[in-house]
Amino acid sequence: MDEFRNNKGFTLIELAVSILIFALGFLGVAKMQQYAIMGNSFNMQMNNSLNIIDSHEEYLRGITVSDADLSIGDHDGGASTHQGIDYGLAWTVSTTALGASANARQVQITVSWMEKNKSHSTTMNLLRSNTQ
């Protein structure tokens, strides 16, 4: 019988320490969840920018080198909104190392957007000629 009388349970200090450890673990999990959500959001934005680039690349592959959109210089494709984010499309057309007489173009397509007052952009290079 004396064994059960000496067993008084947890002390207040032990209880406070265990609650503190649980709370710190819970805050760590909550912070990890926040970073996962932010990472998913940025991945969605990158995916949208790559889709815009891919779509414009297909458009540029479907036109002839003599088209106005493949004239040498800077071109502005305007802005589009996807899932609440505004994306700007631009491309620069230049001659290749073969020279202007080769009737080939080097195209650099860029999509840019703002997220939380930070500027982001994705760029892709494309070679275009009439023989493609």
N, C-alpha and C. Protein backbone atom coordinates (compact mmCIF):
# COMPACT_ATOMS: atom_id res chain seq x y z
N MET A 1 0.78 -1.19 0.00
CA MET A 1 0.00 0.00 0.00
C MET A 1 0.83 1.27 0.00
N ASP A 2 1.99 1.26 0.63
CA ASP A 2 2.83 2.45 0.72
C ASP A 2 3.36 2.88 -0.64
N GLU A 3 3.45 1.92 -1.57
CA GLU A 3 3.95 2.26 -2.91
C GLU A 3 3.02 3.24 -3.60
N PHE A 4 1.73 3.08 -3.46
CA PHE A 4 0.78 3.94 -4.14
C PHE A 4 0.65 5.31 -3.49
N ARG A 5 0.93 5.44 -2.22
CA ARG A 5 0.82 6.72 -1.53
C ARG A 5 1.96 7.66 -1.90
N ASN A 6 3.15 7.15 -2.25
CA ASN A 6 4.29 7.99 -2.62
C ASN A 6 4.21 8.46 -4.07
N ASN A 7 3.40 7.85 -4.88
CA ASN A 7 3.24 8.22 -6.28
C ASN A 7 2.22 9.34 -6.36
N LYS A 8 2.70 10.58 -6.52
CA LYS A 8 1.82 11.75 -6.49
C LYS A 8 1.51 12.30 -7.88
N GLY A 9 2.07 11.73 -8.96
CA GLY A 9 1.82 12.23 -10.31
C GLY A 9 2.89 13.22 -10.74
N PHE A 10 2.52 14.05 -11.73
CA PHE A 10 3.46 15.02 -12.28
C PHE A 10 3.47 16.29 -11.44
N THR A 11 4.64 16.93 -11.37
CA THR A 11 4.72 18.21 -10.69
C THR A 11 4.36 19.31 -11.66
N LEU A 12 4.11 20.48 -11.15
CA LEU A 12 3.75 21.62 -11.98
C LEU A 12 4.90 21.99 -12.93
N ILE A 13 6.12 21.87 -12.49
CA ILE A 13 7.29 22.18 -13.33
C ILE A 13 7.39 21.19 -14.48
N GLU A 14 7.20 19.92 -14.21
CA GLU A 14 7.24 18.92 -15.27
C GLU A 14 6.15 19.17 -16.30
N LEU A 15 5.00 19.53 -15.86
CA LEU A 15 3.89 19.84 -16.75
C LEU A 15 4.20 21.07 -17.60
N ALA A 16 4.75 22.12 -17.01
CA ALA A 16 5.10 23.35 -17.74
C ALA A 16 6.17 23.07 -18.79
N VAL A 17 7.16 22.28 -18.43
CA VAL A 17 8.24 21.95 -19.38
C VAL A 17 7.68 21.14 -20.55
N SER A 18 6.81 20.19 -20.28
CA SER A 18 6.24 19.38 -21.37
C SER A 18 5.36 20.23 -22.28
N ILE A 19 4.60 21.18 -21.73
CA ILE A 19 3.79 22.08 -22.56
C ILE A 19 4.68 22.97 -23.40
N LEU A 20 5.78 23.45 -22.85
CA LEU A 20 6.71 24.29 -23.60
C LEU A 20 7.34 23.51 -24.76
N ILE A 21 7.74 22.28 -24.53
CA ILE A 21 8.33 21.45 -25.59
C ILE A 21 7.30 21.20 -26.68
N PHE A 22 6.06 20.89 -26.29
CA PHE A 22 5.00 20.67 -27.27
C PHE A 22 4.74 21.94 -28.08
N ALA A 23 4.71 23.10 -27.42
CA ALA A 23 4.45 24.36 -28.11
C ALA A 23 5.56 24.68 -29.11
N LEU A 24 6.82 24.46 -28.74
CA LEU A 24 7.93 24.71 -29.67
C LEU A 24 7.86 23.78 -30.87
N GLY A 25 7.52 22.54 -30.64
CA GLY A 25 7.36 21.61 -31.76
C GLY A 25 6.23 22.02 -32.68
N PHE A 26 5.12 22.46 -32.11
CA PHE A 26 3.97 22.90 -32.90
C PHE A 26 4.32 24.13 -33.72
N LEU A 27 5.06 25.09 -33.13
CA LEU A 27 5.49 26.27 -33.89
C LEU A 27 6.42 25.90 -35.03
N GLY A 28 7.28 24.92 -34.80
CA GLY A 28 8.18 24.46 -35.87
C GLY A 28 7.40 23.86 -37.03
N VAL A 29 6.40 23.06 -36.72
CA VAL A 29 5.56 22.47 -37.78
C VAL A 29 4.79 23.55 -38.52
N ALA A 30 4.27 24.54 -37.80
CA ALA A 30 3.52 25.63 -38.44
C ALA A 30 4.43 26.44 -39.37
N LYS A 31 5.66 26.70 -38.96
CA LYS A 31 6.61 27.45 -39.80
C LYS A 31 6.97 26.64 -41.04
N MET A 32 7.15 25.34 -40.85
CA MET A 32 7.46 24.47 -41.98
C MET A 32 6.30 24.46 -42.99
N GLN A 33 5.08 24.46 -42.51
CA GLN A 33 3.91 24.52 -43.38
C GLN A 33 3.87 25.83 -44.15
N GLN A 34 4.23 26.93 -43.49
CA GLN A 34 4.25 28.23 -44.15
C GLN A 34 5.27 28.23 -45.29
N TYR A 35 6.45 27.70 -45.08
CA TYR A 35 7.46 27.64 -46.14
C TYR A 35 7.02 26.73 -47.28
N ALA A 36 6.32 25.66 -46.97
CA ALA A 36 5.82 24.76 -48.02
C ALA A 36 4.80 25.47 -48.89
N ILE A 37 3.92 26.25 -48.27
CA ILE A 37 2.92 27.00 -49.04
C ILE A 37 3.59 28.05 -49.92
N MET A 38 4.59 28.75 -49.37
CA MET A 38 5.31 29.76 -50.16
C MET A 38 6.04 29.10 -51.32
N GLY A 39 6.65 27.95 -51.09
CA GLY A 39 7.34 27.24 -52.16
C GLY A 39 6.38 26.79 -53.25
N ASN A 40 5.21 26.32 -52.87
CA ASN A 40 4.21 25.92 -53.87
C ASN A 40 3.74 27.10 -54.68
N SER A 41 3.59 28.25 -54.05
CA SER A 41 3.15 29.45 -54.75
C SER A 41 4.19 29.88 -55.78
N PHE A 42 5.47 29.86 -55.40
CA PHE A 42 6.51 30.26 -56.35
C PHE A 42 6.62 29.24 -57.48
N ASN A 43 6.47 27.95 -57.18
CA ASN A 43 6.51 26.94 -58.23
C ASN A 43 5.36 27.13 -59.22
N MET A 44 4.18 27.54 -58.73
CA MET A 44 3.06 27.82 -59.61
C MET A 44 3.40 28.98 -60.54
N GLN A 45 4.03 30.02 -60.00
CA GLN A 45 4.40 31.18 -60.81
C GLN A 45 5.44 30.81 -61.87
N MET A 46 6.42 30.01 -61.47
CA MET A 46 7.43 29.56 -62.44
C MET A 46 6.78 28.72 -63.53
N ASN A 47 5.87 27.86 -63.16
CA ASN A 47 5.18 27.02 -64.13
C ASN A 47 4.37 27.88 -65.10
N ASN A 48 3.67 28.89 -64.58
CA ASN A 48 2.92 29.80 -65.45
C ASN A 48 3.85 30.52 -66.42
N SER A 49 5.00 31.00 -65.94
CA SER A 49 5.93 31.72 -66.82
C SER A 49 6.48 30.80 -67.90
N LEU A 50 6.78 29.56 -67.55
CA LEU A 50 7.28 28.61 -68.55
C LEU A 50 6.19 28.26 -69.57
N ASN A 51 4.94 28.19 -69.13
CA ASN A 51 3.85 27.94 -70.08
C ASN A 51 3.68 29.11 -71.05
N ILE A 52 3.84 30.33 -70.55
CA ILE A 52 3.74 31.51 -71.43
C ILE A 52 4.88 31.49 -72.44
N ILE A 53 6.09 31.19 -71.99
CA ILE A 53 7.24 31.12 -72.89
C ILE A 53 7.03 30.03 -73.93
N ASP A 54 6.58 28.86 -73.50
CA ASP A 54 6.37 27.74 -74.41
C ASP A 54 5.32 28.08 -75.47
N SER A 55 4.25 28.72 -75.04
CA SER A 55 3.19 29.11 -75.97
C SER A 55 3.71 30.11 -77.00
N HIS A 56 4.50 31.08 -76.54
CA HIS A 56 5.03 32.08 -77.47
C HIS A 56 6.10 31.47 -78.40
N GLU A 57 6.86 30.55 -77.87
CA GLU A 57 7.85 29.85 -78.71
C GLU A 57 7.15 29.12 -79.85
N GLU A 58 6.05 28.44 -79.55
CA GLU A 58 5.30 27.74 -80.59
C GLU A 58 4.77 28.72 -81.63
N TYR A 59 4.32 29.89 -81.17
CA TYR A 59 3.85 30.91 -82.10
C TYR A 59 4.98 31.36 -83.01
N LEU A 60 6.16 31.65 -82.44
CA LEU A 60 7.29 32.12 -83.24
C LEU A 60 7.80 31.05 -84.20
N ARG A 61 7.70 29.80 -83.83
CA ARG A 61 8.10 28.72 -84.74
C ARG A 61 7.13 28.57 -85.91
N GLY A 62 5.90 29.02 -85.72
CA GLY A 62 4.89 28.88 -86.76
C GLY A 62 4.86 30.00 -87.77
N ILE A 63 5.63 31.05 -87.59
CA ILE A 63 5.65 32.17 -88.54
C ILE A 63 6.97 32.16 -89.31
N THR A 64 7.00 32.88 -90.42
CA THR A 64 8.22 32.94 -91.22
C THR A 64 9.18 33.97 -90.65
N VAL A 65 10.43 33.85 -91.02
CA VAL A 65 11.46 34.77 -90.53
C VAL A 65 11.19 36.20 -91.01
N SER A 66 10.49 36.36 -92.12
CA SER A 66 10.20 37.69 -92.64
C SER A 66 9.03 38.37 -91.92
N ASP A 67 8.36 37.67 -91.02
CA ASP A 67 7.23 38.24 -90.27
C ASP A 67 7.72 39.38 -89.38
N ALA A 68 6.83 40.35 -89.12
CA ALA A 68 7.19 41.52 -88.31
C ALA A 68 7.58 41.14 -86.88
N ASP A 69 7.01 40.06 -86.34
CA ASP A 69 7.35 39.64 -84.98
C ASP A 69 8.75 39.05 -84.88
N LEU A 70 9.37 38.75 -86.02
CA LEU A 70 10.76 38.27 -86.02
C LEU A 70 11.71 39.30 -86.63
N SER A 71 11.27 40.55 -86.73
CA SER A 71 12.17 41.60 -87.19
C SER A 71 13.19 41.89 -86.08
N ILE A 72 14.37 42.29 -86.48
CA ILE A 72 15.46 42.51 -85.52
C ILE A 72 15.11 43.68 -84.60
N GLY A 73 15.27 43.44 -83.30
CA GLY A 73 14.98 44.47 -82.31
C GLY A 73 14.21 43.90 -81.12
N ASP A 74 13.76 44.82 -80.28
CA ASP A 74 13.00 44.44 -79.08
C ASP A 74 11.51 44.45 -79.39
N HIS A 75 10.80 43.48 -78.84
CA HIS A 75 9.36 43.37 -79.04
C HIS A 75 8.68 43.23 -77.69
N ASP A 76 7.51 43.86 -77.57
CA ASP A 76 6.74 43.79 -76.32
C ASP A 76 5.49 42.98 -76.59
N GLY A 77 5.33 41.90 -75.84
CA GLY A 77 4.16 41.05 -76.00
C GLY A 77 3.02 41.42 -75.09
N GLY A 78 3.19 42.46 -74.31
CA GLY A 78 2.13 42.89 -73.41
C GLY A 78 2.12 42.10 -72.11
N ALA A 79 1.04 42.24 -71.39
CA ALA A 79 0.91 41.58 -70.09
C ALA A 79 -0.29 40.65 -70.11
N SER A 80 -0.20 39.62 -69.32
CA SER A 80 -1.33 38.71 -69.13
C SER A 80 -1.39 38.32 -67.66
N THR A 81 -2.59 38.00 -67.21
CA THR A 81 -2.79 37.64 -65.81
C THR A 81 -3.16 36.17 -65.71
N HIS A 82 -2.45 35.45 -64.88
CA HIS A 82 -2.72 34.04 -64.63
C HIS A 82 -2.74 33.83 -63.12
N GLN A 83 -3.85 33.32 -62.62
CA GLN A 83 -4.02 33.02 -61.20
C GLN A 83 -3.67 34.21 -60.30
N GLY A 84 -4.08 35.39 -60.75
CA GLY A 84 -3.91 36.59 -59.95
C GLY A 84 -2.55 37.27 -60.05
N ILE A 85 -1.66 36.77 -60.88
CA ILE A 85 -0.32 37.35 -61.04
C ILE A 85 -0.21 37.92 -62.46
N ASP A 86 0.32 39.14 -62.58
CA ASP A 86 0.53 39.77 -63.88
C ASP A 86 1.90 39.38 -64.42
N TYR A 87 1.94 38.84 -65.63
CA TYR A 87 3.18 38.43 -66.29
C TYR A 87 3.39 39.30 -67.51
N GLY A 88 4.61 39.80 -67.68
CA GLY A 88 4.96 40.59 -68.85
C GLY A 88 5.79 39.76 -69.81
N LEU A 89 5.46 39.83 -71.09
CA LEU A 89 6.15 39.06 -72.12
C LEU A 89 6.92 40.01 -73.03
N ALA A 90 8.17 39.70 -73.28
CA ALA A 90 8.99 40.49 -74.21
C ALA A 90 9.97 39.54 -74.89
N TRP A 91 10.40 39.92 -76.08
CA TRP A 91 11.41 39.13 -76.75
C TRP A 91 12.30 40.04 -77.59
N THR A 92 13.55 39.61 -77.71
CA THR A 92 14.55 40.35 -78.47
C THR A 92 15.02 39.47 -79.61
N VAL A 93 14.99 40.02 -80.81
CA VAL A 93 15.42 39.29 -82.00
C VAL A 93 16.72 39.90 -82.50
N SER A 94 17.70 39.05 -82.77
CA SER A 94 18.98 39.51 -83.30
C SER A 94 19.45 38.53 -84.36
N THR A 95 20.47 38.96 -85.10
CA THR A 95 21.04 38.05 -86.10
C THR A 95 21.93 37.03 -85.41
N THR A 96 22.17 35.94 -86.08
CA THR A 96 23.02 34.91 -85.53
C THR A 96 24.47 35.19 -85.89
N ALA A 97 25.36 34.35 -85.47
CA ALA A 97 26.78 34.49 -85.79
C ALA A 97 27.03 34.30 -87.29
N LEU A 98 26.06 33.73 -87.99
CA LEU A 98 26.19 33.53 -89.44
C LEU A 98 26.02 34.83 -90.21
N GLY A 99 25.48 35.86 -89.56
CA GLY A 99 25.30 37.15 -90.21
C GLY A 99 23.88 37.34 -90.69
N ALA A 100 23.58 38.56 -91.11
CA ALA A 100 22.23 38.90 -91.53
C ALA A 100 21.82 38.22 -92.82
N SER A 101 22.77 37.88 -93.66
CA SER A 101 22.44 37.27 -94.95
C SER A 101 22.01 35.81 -94.81
N ALA A 102 22.22 35.19 -93.66
CA ALA A 102 21.88 33.78 -93.47
C ALA A 102 20.38 33.57 -93.27
N ASN A 103 19.63 34.65 -93.13
CA ASN A 103 18.18 34.58 -92.94
C ASN A 103 17.80 33.73 -91.73
N ALA A 104 18.58 33.86 -90.67
CA ALA A 104 18.30 33.16 -89.42
C ALA A 104 18.24 34.20 -88.30
N ARG A 105 17.50 33.88 -87.27
CA ARG A 105 17.32 34.81 -86.15
C ARG A 105 17.58 34.10 -84.83
N GLN A 106 18.17 34.85 -83.91
CA GLN A 106 18.32 34.38 -82.54
C GLN A 106 17.30 35.16 -81.71
N VAL A 107 16.46 34.45 -80.98
CA VAL A 107 15.38 35.08 -80.23
C VAL A 107 15.56 34.76 -78.75
N GLN A 108 15.45 35.80 -77.92
CA GLN A 108 15.49 35.62 -76.47
C GLN A 108 14.13 36.05 -75.92
N ILE A 109 13.37 35.07 -75.41
CA ILE A 109 12.03 35.33 -74.89
C ILE A 109 12.13 35.45 -73.37
N THR A 110 11.55 36.52 -72.82
CA THR A 110 11.60 36.75 -71.38
C THR A 110 10.20 37.01 -70.85
N VAL A 111 9.88 36.33 -69.75
CA VAL A 111 8.64 36.58 -69.02
C VAL A 111 9.03 37.08 -67.64
N SER A 112 8.45 38.20 -67.22
CA SER A 112 8.78 38.77 -65.91
C SER A 112 7.50 38.99 -65.11
N TRP A 113 7.63 38.96 -63.79
CA TRP A 113 6.51 39.19 -62.90
C TRP A 113 7.02 39.65 -61.54
N MET A 114 6.11 40.23 -60.76
CA MET A 114 6.44 40.71 -59.42
C MET A 114 5.74 39.82 -58.40
N GLU A 115 6.47 39.48 -57.36
CA GLU A 115 5.90 38.73 -56.25
C GLU A 115 6.44 39.32 -54.96
N LYS A 116 5.55 39.83 -54.13
CA LYS A 116 5.93 40.43 -52.85
C LYS A 116 7.04 41.47 -53.01
N ASN A 117 6.86 42.38 -53.98
CA ASN A 117 7.79 43.46 -54.28
C ASN A 117 9.16 42.97 -54.73
N LYS A 118 9.25 41.74 -55.22
CA LYS A 118 10.48 41.21 -55.79
C LYS A 118 10.22 40.90 -57.26
N SER A 119 11.16 41.31 -58.09
CA SER A 119 11.03 41.06 -59.51
C SER A 119 11.63 39.70 -59.86
N HIS A 120 10.90 38.92 -60.65
CA HIS A 120 11.36 37.61 -61.11
C HIS A 120 11.25 37.56 -62.63
N SER A 121 12.08 36.76 -63.25
CA SER A 121 11.97 36.59 -64.69
C SER A 121 12.50 35.23 -65.10
N THR A 122 12.00 34.76 -66.23
CA THR A 122 12.44 33.51 -66.84
C THR A 122 12.77 33.82 -68.29
N THR A 123 13.88 33.28 -68.77
CA THR A 123 14.33 33.57 -70.12
C THR A 123 14.63 32.27 -70.86
N MET A 124 14.31 32.26 -72.16
CA MET A 124 14.62 31.13 -73.02
C MET A 124 15.15 31.63 -74.35
N ASN A 125 16.13 30.95 -74.88
CA ASN A 125 16.71 31.31 -76.18
C ASN A 125 16.20 30.36 -77.25
N LEU A 126 16.03 30.93 -78.45
CA LEU A 126 15.48 30.18 -79.58
C LEU A 126 16.22 30.59 -80.84
N LEU A 127 16.59 29.63 -81.66
CA LEU A 127 17.14 29.90 -82.99
C LEU A 127 16.05 29.64 -84.01
N ARG A 128 15.86 30.56 -84.92
CA ARG A 128 14.78 30.45 -85.88
C ARG A 128 15.31 30.75 -87.26
N SER A 129 15.01 29.87 -88.23
CA SER A 129 15.36 30.12 -89.63
C SER A 129 14.23 29.59 -90.49
N ASN A 130 14.29 29.89 -91.76
CA ASN A 130 13.23 29.41 -92.67
C ASN A 130 13.35 27.92 -92.95
N THR A 131 14.46 27.32 -92.61
CA THR A 131 14.64 25.89 -92.88
C THR A 131 14.06 25.02 -91.77
N GLN A 132 13.58 25.60 -90.68
CA GLN A 132 13.02 24.80 -89.58
C GLN A 132 11.64 24.32 -89.90
